[in-house]
N, C-alpha and C. Protein backbone atom coordinates (compact mmCIF):
# COMPACT_ATOMS: atom_id res chain seq x y z
N UNK A 1 -1.52 9.87 1.05
CA UNK A 1 -0.59 10.60 1.90
C UNK A 1 -0.54 9.95 3.29
N UNK A 2 0.67 9.84 3.80
CA UNK A 2 0.85 9.20 5.10
C UNK A 2 0.28 10.07 6.22
N UNK A 3 -0.34 9.42 7.17
CA UNK A 3 -0.91 10.12 8.33
C UNK A 3 0.18 10.36 9.37
N UNK A 4 -0.01 11.38 10.19
CA UNK A 4 0.93 11.67 11.28
C UNK A 4 0.65 10.72 12.44
N UNK A 5 1.60 10.66 13.36
CA UNK A 5 1.43 9.84 14.58
C UNK A 5 0.14 10.22 15.30
N UNK A 6 -0.12 11.53 15.39
CA UNK A 6 -1.30 12.02 16.10
C UNK A 6 -2.59 11.54 15.41
N UNK A 7 -2.59 11.58 14.07
CA UNK A 7 -3.78 11.14 13.33
C UNK A 7 -3.99 9.63 13.48
N UNK A 8 -2.88 8.88 13.46
CA UNK A 8 -2.98 7.43 13.65
C UNK A 8 -3.49 7.12 15.06
N UNK A 9 -2.93 7.81 16.06
CA UNK A 9 -3.36 7.61 17.44
C UNK A 9 -4.86 7.90 17.59
N UNK A 10 -5.31 9.01 17.01
CA UNK A 10 -6.73 9.38 17.11
C UNK A 10 -7.60 8.31 16.44
N UNK A 11 -7.18 7.82 15.28
CA UNK A 11 -7.94 6.79 14.57
C UNK A 11 -7.98 5.48 15.34
N UNK A 12 -6.83 5.14 15.92
CA UNK A 12 -6.73 3.90 16.70
C UNK A 12 -7.59 4.01 17.97
N UNK A 13 -7.56 5.16 18.61
CA UNK A 13 -8.37 5.39 19.82
C UNK A 13 -9.85 5.23 19.49
N UNK A 14 -10.23 5.72 18.31
CA UNK A 14 -11.62 5.59 17.85
C UNK A 14 -12.00 4.11 17.69
N UNK A 15 -11.09 3.33 17.08
CA UNK A 15 -11.35 1.89 16.89
C UNK A 15 -11.45 1.17 18.23
N UNK A 16 -10.56 1.51 19.17
CA UNK A 16 -10.60 0.90 20.50
C UNK A 16 -11.92 1.24 21.18
N UNK A 17 -12.33 2.49 21.05
CA UNK A 17 -13.59 2.93 21.64
C UNK A 17 -14.77 2.17 21.06
N UNK A 18 -14.80 2.00 19.73
CA UNK A 18 -15.90 1.28 19.08
C UNK A 18 -15.96 -0.18 19.54
N UNK A 19 -14.80 -0.80 19.71
CA UNK A 19 -14.74 -2.22 20.06
C UNK A 19 -15.00 -2.46 21.55
N UNK A 20 -14.50 -1.56 22.42
CA UNK A 20 -14.51 -1.84 23.86
C UNK A 20 -15.33 -0.87 24.69
N UNK A 21 -15.64 0.30 24.12
CA UNK A 21 -16.34 1.31 24.90
C UNK A 21 -15.42 2.15 25.76
N UNK A 22 -14.11 1.90 25.67
CA UNK A 22 -13.13 2.70 26.43
C UNK A 22 -13.09 4.09 25.79
N UNK A 23 -13.14 5.13 26.61
CA UNK A 23 -13.13 6.50 26.10
C UNK A 23 -11.88 6.74 25.26
N UNK A 24 -12.08 7.28 24.06
CA UNK A 24 -10.97 7.49 23.12
C UNK A 24 -9.87 8.36 23.72
N UNK A 25 -10.23 9.33 24.56
CA UNK A 25 -9.21 10.22 25.11
C UNK A 25 -8.34 9.57 26.18
N UNK A 26 -8.69 8.35 26.60
CA UNK A 26 -7.84 7.63 27.56
C UNK A 26 -6.86 6.70 26.85
N UNK A 27 -7.00 6.57 25.52
CA UNK A 27 -6.11 5.71 24.74
C UNK A 27 -4.89 6.54 24.35
N UNK A 28 -3.78 6.34 25.09
CA UNK A 28 -2.57 7.13 24.85
C UNK A 28 -1.41 6.21 24.46
N UNK A 29 -0.35 6.81 23.93
CA UNK A 29 0.78 6.06 23.38
C UNK A 29 1.37 5.03 24.35
N UNK A 30 1.46 5.39 25.62
CA UNK A 30 2.14 4.49 26.58
C UNK A 30 1.24 3.40 27.15
N UNK A 31 -0.05 3.44 26.84
CA UNK A 31 -0.98 2.44 27.39
C UNK A 31 -0.74 1.06 26.78
N UNK A 32 -0.74 0.05 27.65
CA UNK A 32 -0.65 -1.34 27.19
C UNK A 32 -2.06 -1.81 26.83
N UNK A 33 -2.17 -2.49 25.69
CA UNK A 33 -3.50 -2.99 25.28
C UNK A 33 -4.08 -3.95 26.32
N UNK A 34 -3.25 -4.86 26.84
CA UNK A 34 -3.78 -5.85 27.78
C UNK A 34 -3.80 -5.35 29.22
N UNK A 35 -2.70 -4.75 29.69
CA UNK A 35 -2.60 -4.36 31.10
C UNK A 35 -3.42 -3.12 31.44
N UNK A 36 -3.32 -2.09 30.60
CA UNK A 36 -4.00 -0.83 30.92
C UNK A 36 -5.42 -0.74 30.35
N UNK A 37 -5.58 -1.25 29.13
CA UNK A 37 -6.88 -1.11 28.46
C UNK A 37 -7.73 -2.37 28.57
N UNK A 38 -7.14 -3.45 29.13
CA UNK A 38 -7.86 -4.70 29.38
C UNK A 38 -8.51 -5.26 28.11
N UNK A 39 -7.76 -5.22 27.00
CA UNK A 39 -8.27 -5.72 25.72
C UNK A 39 -7.84 -7.17 25.57
N UNK A 40 -8.82 -8.06 25.34
CA UNK A 40 -8.49 -9.48 25.18
C UNK A 40 -8.09 -9.76 23.73
N UNK A 41 -7.65 -10.99 23.47
CA UNK A 41 -7.11 -11.33 22.14
C UNK A 41 -8.17 -11.24 21.05
N UNK A 42 -9.42 -11.54 21.38
CA UNK A 42 -10.48 -11.47 20.36
C UNK A 42 -10.76 -10.02 19.98
N UNK A 43 -10.87 -9.15 20.98
CA UNK A 43 -11.07 -7.72 20.70
C UNK A 43 -9.86 -7.16 19.96
N UNK A 44 -8.66 -7.62 20.34
CA UNK A 44 -7.44 -7.13 19.70
C UNK A 44 -7.46 -7.48 18.21
N UNK A 45 -7.88 -8.69 17.88
CA UNK A 45 -7.92 -9.09 16.47
C UNK A 45 -8.93 -8.23 15.70
N UNK A 46 -10.05 -7.93 16.32
CA UNK A 46 -11.05 -7.07 15.68
C UNK A 46 -10.46 -5.69 15.43
N UNK A 47 -9.76 -5.16 16.43
CA UNK A 47 -9.13 -3.84 16.30
C UNK A 47 -8.09 -3.86 15.18
N UNK A 48 -7.30 -4.94 15.12
CA UNK A 48 -6.27 -5.07 14.08
C UNK A 48 -6.91 -5.09 12.68
N UNK A 49 -7.95 -5.90 12.51
CA UNK A 49 -8.64 -5.99 11.21
C UNK A 49 -9.21 -4.62 10.83
N UNK A 50 -9.84 -3.95 11.78
CA UNK A 50 -10.41 -2.63 11.51
C UNK A 50 -9.32 -1.59 11.22
N UNK A 51 -8.19 -1.71 11.91
CA UNK A 51 -7.06 -0.79 11.68
C UNK A 51 -6.48 -1.00 10.28
N UNK A 52 -6.39 -2.28 9.86
CA UNK A 52 -5.89 -2.56 8.52
C UNK A 52 -6.76 -1.88 7.47
N UNK A 53 -8.06 -1.96 7.69
CA UNK A 53 -9.02 -1.35 6.78
C UNK A 53 -8.93 0.18 6.82
N UNK A 54 -8.94 0.72 8.03
CA UNK A 54 -8.94 2.17 8.22
C UNK A 54 -7.68 2.84 7.67
N UNK A 55 -6.52 2.20 7.94
CA UNK A 55 -5.25 2.82 7.56
C UNK A 55 -4.65 2.25 6.29
N UNK A 56 -5.36 1.28 5.68
CA UNK A 56 -4.91 0.66 4.44
C UNK A 56 -3.50 0.07 4.58
N UNK A 57 -3.30 -0.71 5.65
CA UNK A 57 -2.02 -1.38 5.89
C UNK A 57 -2.29 -2.86 6.16
N UNK A 58 -1.24 -3.67 6.09
CA UNK A 58 -1.35 -5.09 6.42
C UNK A 58 -0.57 -5.32 7.71
N UNK A 59 -1.23 -5.89 8.71
CA UNK A 59 -0.57 -6.21 9.98
C UNK A 59 -0.56 -7.74 10.08
N UNK A 60 0.59 -8.36 9.78
CA UNK A 60 0.66 -9.83 9.82
C UNK A 60 0.35 -10.37 11.22
N UNK A 61 -0.29 -11.54 11.27
CA UNK A 61 -0.66 -12.15 12.56
C UNK A 61 0.53 -12.28 13.50
N UNK A 62 1.70 -12.67 12.95
CA UNK A 62 2.86 -12.85 13.83
C UNK A 62 3.41 -11.52 14.35
N UNK A 63 2.97 -10.43 13.77
CA UNK A 63 3.40 -9.09 14.21
C UNK A 63 2.50 -8.58 15.33
N UNK A 64 1.25 -9.05 15.35
CA UNK A 64 0.27 -8.56 16.33
C UNK A 64 0.76 -8.76 17.76
N UNK A 65 1.41 -9.91 18.03
CA UNK A 65 1.89 -10.18 19.40
C UNK A 65 2.97 -9.20 19.84
N UNK A 66 3.62 -8.51 18.90
CA UNK A 66 4.64 -7.52 19.25
C UNK A 66 4.04 -6.15 19.55
N UNK A 67 2.76 -5.98 19.26
CA UNK A 67 2.10 -4.70 19.51
C UNK A 67 1.55 -4.68 20.92
N UNK A 68 2.43 -4.43 21.87
CA UNK A 68 2.06 -4.47 23.28
C UNK A 68 1.36 -3.19 23.73
N UNK A 69 1.86 -2.06 23.21
CA UNK A 69 1.29 -0.77 23.63
C UNK A 69 0.64 -0.08 22.43
N UNK A 70 -0.14 0.92 22.74
CA UNK A 70 -0.76 1.73 21.69
C UNK A 70 0.34 2.36 20.83
N UNK A 71 1.41 2.80 21.49
CA UNK A 71 2.54 3.39 20.76
C UNK A 71 3.17 2.42 19.78
N UNK A 72 3.28 1.13 20.17
CA UNK A 72 3.82 0.11 19.26
C UNK A 72 2.96 0.03 18.00
N UNK A 73 1.66 0.04 18.19
CA UNK A 73 0.74 -0.07 17.06
C UNK A 73 0.82 1.17 16.17
N UNK A 74 0.89 2.34 16.80
CA UNK A 74 1.00 3.60 16.04
C UNK A 74 2.28 3.58 15.20
N UNK A 75 3.39 3.17 15.81
CA UNK A 75 4.67 3.13 15.10
C UNK A 75 4.62 2.13 13.95
N UNK A 76 4.02 0.96 14.20
CA UNK A 76 3.92 -0.06 13.15
C UNK A 76 3.11 0.46 11.97
N UNK A 77 1.96 1.06 12.26
CA UNK A 77 1.09 1.57 11.19
C UNK A 77 1.80 2.69 10.43
N UNK A 78 2.50 3.55 11.18
CA UNK A 78 3.22 4.67 10.55
C UNK A 78 4.24 4.13 9.54
N UNK A 79 5.01 3.10 9.93
CA UNK A 79 6.01 2.50 9.04
C UNK A 79 5.34 1.77 7.88
N UNK A 80 4.24 1.08 8.16
CA UNK A 80 3.56 0.27 7.14
C UNK A 80 2.93 1.11 6.03
N UNK A 81 2.61 2.37 6.33
CA UNK A 81 2.00 3.23 5.31
C UNK A 81 3.00 3.65 4.24
N UNK A 82 4.27 3.69 4.63
CA UNK A 82 5.29 4.26 3.74
C UNK A 82 5.50 3.40 2.49
């Protein structure tokens, strides 16, 4: 069953927290991974791999560069589950 935006956001926030130590409740839809959350490309790839596993989706490498904000990632995962 497909997860809601809120469930995806909560799961993603958990992954960001595990990788970076950033408090999960500060990971919101409008936050930029690089500008607001200060996530580098190596941490981002780890988060992507973990998200693929957690949400059972495939996020192609060429798509990762389009995931600028947490909201972008949530939307992508939401569509990819369908």
